[in-house]
N, C-alpha and C. Protein backbone atom coordinates (compact mmCIF):
# COMPACT_ATOMS: atom_id res chain seq x y z
N MET A 1 160.92 35.22 172.62
CA MET A 1 160.54 34.77 171.26
C MET A 1 160.94 35.78 170.07
N ASP A 2 160.56 36.96 170.37
CA ASP A 2 161.00 38.26 169.30
C ASP A 2 162.25 38.11 168.90
N CYS A 3 163.18 38.13 169.90
CA CYS A 3 164.95 38.00 169.63
C CYS A 3 165.09 36.64 168.89
N PHE A 4 164.44 35.41 169.15
CA PHE A 4 164.70 34.43 168.33
C PHE A 4 164.34 34.44 167.04
N VAL A 5 162.97 35.02 166.77
CA VAL A 5 162.43 35.37 165.31
C VAL A 5 163.31 36.19 164.66
N ASP A 6 163.74 37.49 165.17
CA ASP A 6 164.66 38.33 164.78
C ASP A 6 165.90 37.88 164.09
N THR A 7 166.44 36.88 165.04
CA THR A 7 167.62 36.35 164.70
C THR A 7 167.44 35.48 163.48
N ALA A 8 166.58 34.53 163.60
CA ALA A 8 166.23 33.60 162.55
C ALA A 8 166.07 34.27 161.27
N ILE A 9 165.26 35.44 161.19
CA ILE A 9 165.09 36.21 160.11
C ILE A 9 166.31 36.67 159.52
N ARG A 10 167.01 37.35 160.34
CA ARG A 10 168.31 37.98 159.98
C ARG A 10 169.27 36.85 159.29
N GLU A 11 169.41 35.77 159.80
CA GLU A 11 170.33 34.73 159.35
C GLU A 11 169.90 34.08 158.13
N THR A 12 168.58 34.12 158.14
CA THR A 12 168.04 33.45 156.84
C THR A 12 168.18 34.26 155.69
N ALA A 13 167.72 35.66 155.79
CA ALA A 13 168.02 36.71 154.84
C ALA A 13 169.47 36.71 154.53
N ARG A 14 170.37 36.87 155.43
CA ARG A 14 171.78 36.76 154.94
C ARG A 14 172.16 35.54 154.51
N PHE A 15 171.76 34.44 154.63
CA PHE A 15 172.14 32.93 153.87
C PHE A 15 171.53 33.20 152.38
N LEU A 16 170.44 33.62 152.38
CA LEU A 16 169.73 33.72 150.92
C LEU A 16 170.52 34.72 150.07
N VAL A 17 170.83 36.10 150.71
CA VAL A 17 171.41 36.94 149.96
C VAL A 17 172.86 36.69 149.60
N ASP A 18 173.52 35.67 150.38
CA ASP A 18 174.71 35.43 150.13
C ASP A 18 174.94 34.19 149.11
N ALA A 19 173.80 33.54 149.07
CA ALA A 19 173.84 32.19 148.15
C ALA A 19 173.41 32.91 146.75
N TRP A 20 172.59 34.05 146.72
CA TRP A 20 172.15 34.75 145.56
C TRP A 20 173.37 35.27 144.79
N GLU A 21 173.94 36.01 145.73
CA GLU A 21 175.07 36.82 145.39
C GLU A 21 176.32 35.96 144.63
N ARG A 22 176.50 34.91 145.41
CA ARG A 22 177.46 33.73 144.89
C ARG A 22 177.11 33.03 143.69
N SER A 23 175.99 32.96 143.38
CA SER A 23 175.21 32.32 142.19
C SER A 23 175.51 33.23 141.14
N SER A 24 174.96 34.34 141.12
CA SER A 24 174.76 35.44 140.08
C SER A 24 176.13 36.30 139.81
N GLU A 25 176.95 36.68 141.06
CA GLU A 25 178.04 37.49 140.58
C GLU A 25 179.41 36.70 141.46
N PRO A 26 180.27 36.30 140.47
CA PRO A 26 181.43 35.38 141.18
C PRO A 26 182.19 36.39 142.26
N SER A 27 182.23 37.74 141.72
CA SER A 27 183.09 38.62 142.55
C SER A 27 182.45 38.98 143.90
N GLY A 28 180.97 38.62 144.24
CA GLY A 28 180.50 38.86 145.30
C GLY A 28 179.90 40.35 145.40
N THR A 29 180.04 41.15 144.43
CA THR A 29 179.43 42.38 144.30
C THR A 29 178.03 42.18 143.38
N TYR A 30 177.31 43.14 143.30
CA TYR A 30 175.97 43.08 142.84
C TYR A 30 175.93 44.24 141.81
N GLU A 31 175.77 43.88 140.60
CA GLU A 31 175.58 45.06 139.57
C GLU A 31 174.17 44.80 139.04
N ILE A 32 173.45 45.79 138.62
CA ILE A 32 171.89 45.67 138.18
C ILE A 32 172.08 45.00 137.03
N PRO A 33 171.42 43.84 136.66
CA PRO A 33 171.35 43.12 135.40
C PRO A 33 170.71 43.99 134.35
N GLU A 34 171.14 43.77 133.15
CA GLU A 34 170.38 44.37 131.91
C GLU A 34 168.89 44.33 132.10
N GLY A 35 168.14 45.37 131.84
CA GLY A 35 166.74 45.57 132.08
C GLY A 35 166.16 45.44 133.41
N GLU A 36 166.93 45.71 134.35
CA GLU A 36 166.50 45.93 135.67
C GLU A 36 166.98 47.44 136.07
N SER A 37 166.03 48.03 136.99
CA SER A 37 166.50 49.33 137.24
C SER A 37 166.30 49.58 139.00
N HIS A 38 166.86 50.45 139.42
CA HIS A 38 166.48 50.66 140.75
C HIS A 38 165.60 52.16 140.75
N VAL A 39 164.97 51.97 141.81
CA VAL A 39 164.14 53.24 141.85
C VAL A 39 164.81 54.53 142.07
N ASP A 40 164.56 55.47 140.94
CA ASP A 40 165.25 56.76 141.27
C ASP A 40 164.08 57.53 141.69
N PRO A 41 164.36 58.06 142.97
CA PRO A 41 163.25 58.77 143.60
C PRO A 41 162.88 60.03 142.73
N THR A 42 163.60 60.57 141.97
CA THR A 42 163.28 61.79 141.40
C THR A 42 162.74 61.44 139.93
N SER A 43 163.00 60.30 139.24
CA SER A 43 162.43 60.07 137.90
C SER A 43 161.77 58.81 137.65
N SER A 44 161.81 57.82 138.58
CA SER A 44 161.43 56.53 138.34
C SER A 44 160.05 56.29 138.31
N PRO A 45 159.31 55.70 137.45
CA PRO A 45 157.87 55.48 137.49
C PRO A 45 157.40 54.76 138.71
N PRO A 46 156.24 55.35 139.29
CA PRO A 46 155.81 54.58 140.55
C PRO A 46 155.09 53.42 140.33
N PRO A 47 154.93 52.59 141.29
CA PRO A 47 154.31 51.34 140.96
C PRO A 47 152.85 51.80 140.44
N SER A 48 152.51 50.84 139.63
CA SER A 48 151.24 50.93 138.89
C SER A 48 150.03 50.70 140.11
N GLN A 49 149.16 51.69 140.18
CA GLN A 49 148.05 51.29 141.09
C GLN A 49 146.73 51.92 140.66
N ARG A 50 145.93 50.87 140.79
CA ARG A 50 144.71 51.06 140.37
C ARG A 50 143.42 50.84 141.64
N TYR A 51 142.75 51.71 141.88
CA TYR A 51 141.82 51.49 142.90
C TYR A 51 140.33 51.14 142.19
N SER A 52 139.75 49.91 142.79
CA SER A 52 138.55 49.42 142.49
C SER A 52 137.51 49.85 143.57
N VAL A 53 136.70 50.86 143.47
CA VAL A 53 135.70 51.21 144.43
C VAL A 53 134.87 50.28 144.66
N VAL A 54 134.26 49.49 143.69
CA VAL A 54 133.21 48.52 143.92
C VAL A 54 133.98 47.31 144.84
N GLU A 55 135.17 47.04 144.62
CA GLU A 55 135.75 45.83 145.34
C GLU A 55 136.40 46.35 146.59
N ASN A 56 136.98 47.65 146.76
CA ASN A 56 137.65 48.32 147.78
C ASN A 56 139.02 47.71 147.95
N ILE A 57 139.55 47.48 146.62
CA ILE A 57 140.98 46.90 146.48
C ILE A 57 141.73 47.83 145.62
N VAL A 58 142.96 48.05 146.18
CA VAL A 58 143.94 48.95 145.38
C VAL A 58 144.89 47.62 144.69
N PHE A 59 144.98 47.70 143.53
CA PHE A 59 145.77 46.63 142.72
C PHE A 59 147.18 47.31 142.60
N VAL A 60 148.30 46.83 142.89
CA VAL A 60 149.66 47.33 142.83
C VAL A 60 150.60 46.26 141.86
N SER A 61 151.14 46.87 141.02
CA SER A 61 152.09 46.12 140.02
C SER A 61 153.23 47.01 139.94
N PHE A 62 154.47 46.21 139.56
CA PHE A 62 155.71 47.09 139.36
C PHE A 62 156.15 47.26 137.87
N PRO A 63 157.07 48.30 137.73
CA PRO A 63 157.63 48.24 136.42
C PRO A 63 158.60 47.14 136.15
N SER A 64 158.76 46.82 134.95
CA SER A 64 159.48 45.45 134.55
C SER A 64 160.97 45.74 135.07
N GLY A 65 161.48 44.62 135.90
CA GLY A 65 162.83 44.71 136.21
C GLY A 65 163.23 45.61 137.53
N LEU A 66 162.01 46.08 138.21
CA LEU A 66 162.36 46.89 139.44
C LEU A 66 163.29 46.05 140.35
N HIS A 67 163.93 46.61 140.95
CA HIS A 67 164.78 46.06 142.06
C HIS A 67 165.14 47.33 143.15
N VAL A 68 164.44 47.38 144.23
CA VAL A 68 164.67 48.18 145.33
C VAL A 68 165.80 47.85 146.19
N ALA A 69 166.76 48.54 146.30
CA ALA A 69 168.09 48.19 146.95
C ALA A 69 168.34 48.86 148.26
N THR A 70 168.10 50.21 148.34
CA THR A 70 168.61 51.36 149.53
C THR A 70 167.20 51.50 150.29
N ARG A 71 167.45 52.03 151.41
CA ARG A 71 166.44 52.53 152.23
C ARG A 71 165.50 53.59 151.63
N GLU A 72 166.44 54.57 150.86
CA GLU A 72 165.61 55.60 150.13
C GLU A 72 164.69 55.11 149.15
N GLU A 73 165.22 54.02 148.12
CA GLU A 73 164.31 53.58 147.31
C GLU A 73 163.17 52.97 147.72
N ILE A 74 163.25 52.13 148.96
CA ILE A 74 162.18 51.44 149.73
C ILE A 74 161.12 52.48 150.10
N ARG A 75 161.69 53.56 150.68
CA ARG A 75 160.76 54.58 151.47
C ARG A 75 160.01 55.33 150.26
N THR A 76 160.71 55.61 149.13
CA THR A 76 160.25 56.20 147.97
C THR A 76 159.09 55.39 147.47
N MET A 77 159.32 54.07 147.46
CA MET A 77 158.24 53.23 146.71
C MET A 77 157.01 53.25 147.58
N PHE A 78 157.29 53.20 149.03
CA PHE A 78 156.13 53.10 149.92
C PHE A 78 155.50 54.46 150.02
N ASP A 79 156.21 55.67 149.92
CA ASP A 79 155.69 56.91 149.74
C ASP A 79 154.60 57.06 148.76
N GLN A 80 155.00 56.48 147.54
CA GLN A 80 154.00 56.64 146.51
C GLN A 80 152.92 55.65 146.49
N VAL A 81 153.19 54.48 147.24
CA VAL A 81 151.78 53.53 147.61
C VAL A 81 150.75 54.62 148.62
N VAL A 82 151.52 55.07 149.60
CA VAL A 82 150.59 55.91 150.73
C VAL A 82 149.97 57.05 149.84
N ALA A 83 150.88 57.59 149.08
CA ALA A 83 150.17 59.02 148.36
C ALA A 83 149.05 58.76 147.66
N PHE A 84 149.17 57.68 146.96
CA PHE A 84 148.10 57.12 146.02
C PHE A 84 146.69 56.92 146.84
N TRP A 85 146.96 56.32 148.02
CA TRP A 85 145.88 55.94 148.63
C TRP A 85 145.32 56.99 149.28
N ARG A 86 146.03 57.90 149.66
CA ARG A 86 145.40 59.37 150.34
C ARG A 86 144.70 60.17 149.26
N THR A 87 145.02 60.08 148.06
CA THR A 87 144.57 60.70 146.79
C THR A 87 143.32 60.07 146.42
N LYS A 88 143.22 58.80 146.14
CA LYS A 88 142.43 58.05 145.56
C LYS A 88 141.37 57.43 146.40
N CYS A 89 141.85 57.22 147.68
CA CYS A 89 140.90 56.22 148.49
C CYS A 89 140.07 57.24 149.54
N GLY A 90 140.45 58.54 149.76
CA GLY A 90 139.76 59.30 150.45
C GLY A 90 139.85 58.95 152.16
N GLY A 91 140.73 58.18 152.55
CA GLY A 91 141.13 57.89 153.99
C GLY A 91 140.26 56.53 154.24
N ARG A 92 139.70 55.88 153.17
CA ARG A 92 138.96 54.56 153.37
C ARG A 92 140.04 53.44 153.47
N ARG A 93 140.19 52.65 154.67
CA ARG A 93 141.11 51.52 154.51
C ARG A 93 140.55 50.71 153.12
N VAL A 94 141.56 49.99 152.80
CA VAL A 94 141.38 49.30 151.49
C VAL A 94 142.10 47.91 151.77
N TYR A 95 141.66 47.01 150.81
CA TYR A 95 142.49 45.67 150.61
C TYR A 95 143.53 45.99 149.47
N TYR A 96 144.70 45.50 149.65
CA TYR A 96 145.72 45.52 148.69
C TYR A 96 146.01 44.28 148.19
N VAL A 97 146.05 44.30 146.68
CA VAL A 97 146.40 42.99 145.93
C VAL A 97 147.72 43.39 145.24
N VAL A 98 148.79 42.80 145.72
CA VAL A 98 150.26 43.18 145.21
C VAL A 98 150.65 42.00 144.14
N ASP A 99 151.11 42.45 142.94
CA ASP A 99 151.66 41.57 141.96
C ASP A 99 153.14 41.82 142.17
N TYR A 100 153.85 40.67 142.62
CA TYR A 100 155.11 40.75 142.93
C TYR A 100 156.17 40.21 141.49
N THR A 101 155.31 40.00 140.40
CA THR A 101 155.93 39.80 139.14
C THR A 101 156.97 41.24 138.87
N ASN A 102 157.91 41.19 138.39
CA ASN A 102 158.93 42.13 138.26
C ASN A 102 159.58 43.03 139.37
N HIS A 103 159.35 42.47 140.58
CA HIS A 103 159.72 43.35 141.92
C HIS A 103 160.77 42.20 142.40
N THR A 104 161.85 42.90 142.99
CA THR A 104 162.88 42.26 143.72
C THR A 104 163.20 43.33 144.82
N SER A 105 163.76 42.81 145.84
CA SER A 105 164.44 44.02 146.87
C SER A 105 165.71 43.43 147.51
N ASN A 106 166.41 44.16 148.07
CA ASN A 106 167.56 43.87 148.75
C ASN A 106 167.15 43.21 150.17
N LEU A 107 167.28 42.12 150.40
CA LEU A 107 167.16 41.19 151.55
C LEU A 107 167.85 41.98 152.83
N THR A 108 168.96 42.38 152.53
CA THR A 108 169.65 43.17 153.73
C THR A 108 168.95 44.08 154.28
N GLU A 109 167.98 44.81 153.71
CA GLU A 109 167.11 45.88 154.12
C GLU A 109 165.77 45.26 154.34
N ASN A 110 165.60 43.92 154.61
CA ASN A 110 164.31 43.45 154.91
C ASN A 110 163.57 43.98 156.07
N ASP A 111 164.27 44.49 157.31
CA ASP A 111 163.92 44.85 158.39
C ASP A 111 163.19 46.42 158.13
N PHE A 112 163.89 47.15 157.18
CA PHE A 112 163.31 48.40 156.99
C PHE A 112 162.19 48.11 156.06
N TYR A 113 162.18 47.43 155.21
CA TYR A 113 160.96 47.05 154.10
C TYR A 113 159.88 46.68 155.12
N ALA A 114 160.17 45.99 156.08
CA ALA A 114 158.99 45.36 156.95
C ALA A 114 158.42 46.64 157.71
N GLN A 115 159.28 47.64 157.95
CA GLN A 115 158.55 48.62 158.75
C GLN A 115 157.87 49.53 157.96
N GLN A 116 158.11 49.56 156.37
CA GLN A 116 157.34 50.31 155.66
C GLN A 116 156.06 49.58 155.15
N VAL A 117 156.20 48.27 155.11
CA VAL A 117 154.70 47.27 155.14
C VAL A 117 153.95 47.73 156.45
N LYS A 118 154.53 47.68 157.50
CA LYS A 118 153.77 48.13 158.63
C LYS A 118 152.92 49.43 158.77
N ARG A 119 153.74 50.39 158.10
CA ARG A 119 153.22 51.58 157.89
C ARG A 119 151.96 51.72 157.00
N VAL A 120 151.97 50.82 155.85
CA VAL A 120 150.71 50.77 154.98
C VAL A 120 149.66 49.98 155.80
N LEU A 121 149.80 48.85 156.62
CA LEU A 121 148.99 48.08 157.28
C LEU A 121 148.42 49.27 158.41
N ASP A 122 149.20 49.81 159.02
CA ASP A 122 148.51 50.70 160.18
C ASP A 122 147.73 51.88 159.43
N GLU A 123 148.26 52.39 158.51
CA GLU A 123 147.55 53.55 157.92
C GLU A 123 146.29 53.33 156.73
N CYS A 124 146.76 52.32 155.93
CA CYS A 124 145.80 52.32 154.81
C CYS A 124 145.05 51.13 154.44
N ALA A 125 145.71 49.98 154.92
CA ALA A 125 145.20 48.52 154.52
C ALA A 125 144.68 47.88 155.57
N ILE A 126 143.41 47.28 155.02
CA ILE A 126 142.84 46.19 155.79
C ILE A 126 143.64 44.95 155.80
N THR A 127 144.14 44.54 154.81
CA THR A 127 145.21 43.70 154.75
C THR A 127 145.82 43.95 153.24
N ILE A 128 147.00 42.87 153.19
CA ILE A 128 147.63 43.11 152.04
C ILE A 128 147.74 41.50 151.49
N VAL A 129 147.54 41.39 150.16
CA VAL A 129 147.40 39.73 149.49
C VAL A 129 148.34 40.11 148.53
N ARG A 130 149.32 39.11 148.29
CA ARG A 130 150.20 39.01 147.32
C ARG A 130 150.11 37.89 146.40
N PHE A 131 150.78 38.21 145.23
CA PHE A 131 150.74 37.14 144.31
C PHE A 131 151.98 37.04 143.31
N GLY A 132 152.43 35.96 142.75
CA GLY A 132 153.58 35.91 141.66
C GLY A 132 154.79 36.03 142.64
N GLY A 133 155.79 36.56 141.82
CA GLY A 133 157.18 36.94 142.22
C GLY A 133 158.14 35.54 142.01
N ASP A 134 159.29 35.74 142.07
CA ASP A 134 160.18 34.73 142.10
C ASP A 134 160.55 34.21 143.52
N PRO A 135 161.20 33.15 143.67
CA PRO A 135 161.29 32.47 144.97
C PRO A 135 161.96 33.34 145.90
N LEU A 136 163.00 33.98 145.45
CA LEU A 136 163.75 35.10 146.63
C LEU A 136 162.63 36.08 147.21
N THR A 137 161.88 36.82 146.13
CA THR A 137 160.79 37.57 146.48
C THR A 137 159.68 37.23 147.46
N ARG A 138 159.61 35.97 147.17
CA ARG A 138 158.41 35.28 148.19
C ARG A 138 159.09 35.05 149.25
N THR A 139 160.26 34.51 149.54
CA THR A 139 160.67 34.20 150.71
C THR A 139 161.06 35.53 151.44
N GLY A 140 161.54 36.67 150.93
CA GLY A 140 161.43 37.96 151.68
C GLY A 140 160.08 38.43 152.18
N SER A 141 158.98 38.08 151.41
CA SER A 141 157.78 38.45 151.98
C SER A 141 157.37 37.62 153.12
N ARG A 142 157.76 36.39 153.05
CA ARG A 142 157.38 35.31 154.35
C ARG A 142 158.20 35.84 155.57
N LEU A 143 159.56 36.27 155.29
CA LEU A 143 160.09 36.83 156.38
C LEU A 143 159.69 37.93 157.14
N ARG A 144 159.18 39.07 156.34
CA ARG A 144 158.54 40.15 156.79
C ARG A 144 157.32 39.79 157.43
N GLY A 145 156.45 38.68 156.94
CA GLY A 145 155.37 38.31 157.58
C GLY A 145 155.79 38.03 159.11
N MET A 146 156.86 37.14 159.16
CA MET A 146 157.32 36.56 160.65
C MET A 146 157.60 37.80 161.33
N LYS A 147 158.24 38.62 160.78
CA LYS A 147 158.87 39.80 161.63
C LYS A 147 157.76 40.68 162.05
N LEU A 148 156.60 40.75 161.36
CA LEU A 148 155.46 41.63 161.74
C LEU A 148 154.50 40.92 162.39
N HIS A 149 154.72 39.56 162.71
CA HIS A 149 153.66 38.60 163.07
C HIS A 149 152.28 38.80 162.36
N VAL A 150 152.26 38.77 161.05
CA VAL A 150 151.07 38.86 160.32
C VAL A 150 151.14 37.97 159.26
N PRO A 151 149.93 37.44 159.11
CA PRO A 151 149.68 36.38 157.66
C PRO A 151 150.48 37.05 156.58
N THR A 152 151.39 36.17 155.86
CA THR A 152 152.03 36.35 154.58
C THR A 152 150.95 36.71 153.28
N ASN A 153 149.97 35.99 153.18
CA ASN A 153 149.07 36.01 152.35
C ASN A 153 149.68 36.20 150.92
N LEU A 154 150.34 35.12 150.76
CA LEU A 154 150.91 35.06 149.36
C LEU A 154 150.36 33.87 148.51
N TYR A 155 150.00 34.22 147.38
CA TYR A 155 149.33 33.26 146.46
C TYR A 155 150.13 33.13 145.18
N ALA A 156 149.66 32.01 144.29
CA ALA A 156 150.39 31.75 143.03
C ALA A 156 149.79 32.82 142.02
N THR A 157 148.65 32.96 142.03
CA THR A 157 147.88 33.78 140.97
C THR A 157 147.01 35.02 141.25
N ARG A 158 146.83 35.89 140.50
CA ARG A 158 145.92 37.15 140.77
C ARG A 158 144.61 36.62 141.15
N ALA A 159 144.05 35.61 140.43
CA ALA A 159 142.78 35.26 140.81
C ALA A 159 142.72 34.64 142.26
N GLU A 160 143.51 34.00 142.52
CA GLU A 160 143.42 33.23 143.98
C GLU A 160 143.60 34.42 144.92
N ALA A 161 144.44 35.52 144.66
CA ALA A 161 144.49 36.73 145.56
C ALA A 161 143.36 37.21 145.83
N ILE A 162 142.69 37.61 144.66
CA ILE A 162 141.27 38.25 144.70
C ILE A 162 140.29 37.62 145.25
N SER A 163 140.10 36.09 145.01
CA SER A 163 139.35 35.30 145.71
C SER A 163 139.39 35.53 147.27
N VAL A 164 140.69 35.41 147.74
CA VAL A 164 140.92 35.45 149.29
C VAL A 164 140.47 36.77 149.83
N VAL A 165 140.81 37.92 149.18
CA VAL A 165 140.17 39.06 149.55
C VAL A 165 138.81 39.21 149.48
N ARG A 166 137.93 38.57 148.56
CA ARG A 166 136.40 38.47 148.51
C ARG A 166 136.00 37.50 149.81
N ALA A 167 136.73 36.67 150.11
CA ALA A 167 136.42 35.65 151.20
C ALA A 167 136.66 36.51 152.50
N ILE A 168 137.55 37.27 152.56
CA ILE A 168 137.86 38.10 153.74
C ILE A 168 136.56 39.18 153.75
N ARG A 169 136.53 39.80 152.89
CA ARG A 169 135.44 40.93 152.99
C ARG A 169 134.00 40.27 153.25
N ASP A 170 133.78 39.15 152.79
CA ASP A 170 132.49 38.56 153.07
C ASP A 170 132.36 37.77 154.18
N GLY A 171 133.49 37.72 155.16
CA GLY A 171 133.75 37.13 156.47
C GLY A 171 133.56 35.68 156.34
N ARG A 172 133.85 35.10 155.35
CA ARG A 172 134.38 33.66 155.20
C ARG A 172 135.65 33.30 155.76
N VAL A 173 136.56 34.28 155.58
CA VAL A 173 137.80 34.00 156.20
C VAL A 173 138.24 35.17 157.20
N SER A 174 138.95 34.95 158.17
CA SER A 174 139.25 36.09 159.07
C SER A 174 140.68 36.63 158.75
N VAL A 175 140.93 37.87 159.03
CA VAL A 175 142.39 38.29 159.09
C VAL A 175 142.86 38.74 160.48
N ARG A 176 144.04 38.02 160.69
CA ARG A 176 144.49 38.39 162.09
C ARG A 176 145.69 39.39 161.73
N GLN A 177 145.53 40.45 162.29
CA GLN A 177 146.47 41.33 162.42
C GLN A 177 147.28 41.25 163.86
N GLY A 178 148.77 41.29 163.69
CA GLY A 178 149.57 41.58 164.70
C GLY A 178 149.22 40.57 166.01
């Protein structure tokens, strides 16, 4: 089954990336559009993160136009998330509410991105709940969920995402990991 899922994920990601590249760049190459930026490990702003002690939620959002394309950029972004958790949450596992507005990633690196999500799930998170984002970003998230065998927890609005976290915390909804 895992082999089938891996193959389906890889083929779907490749199809989506190919379709996106054909529609946005006739030459088949990808250049960063005006207003977007890659993560520069030495100087880019980290994701905006805020920890609510009362809710036990880390809220994550991204700088406008962020596109992470390489493994180094993906790793750096997740290193920043884990470092924040270690500093601000004192080792207490938390709920993550991630705003996908302003965030895109290279789907050809989706397997590596999934490994980094797993690292956060294993070390820091009770669960991750996401909201917003464009269709390609949302699809990438769904593919990662399939790869990791975890629920995607992807909602349209911030209010919906917070409502789900509260329901999980209060025991009205269960979280199935792996």
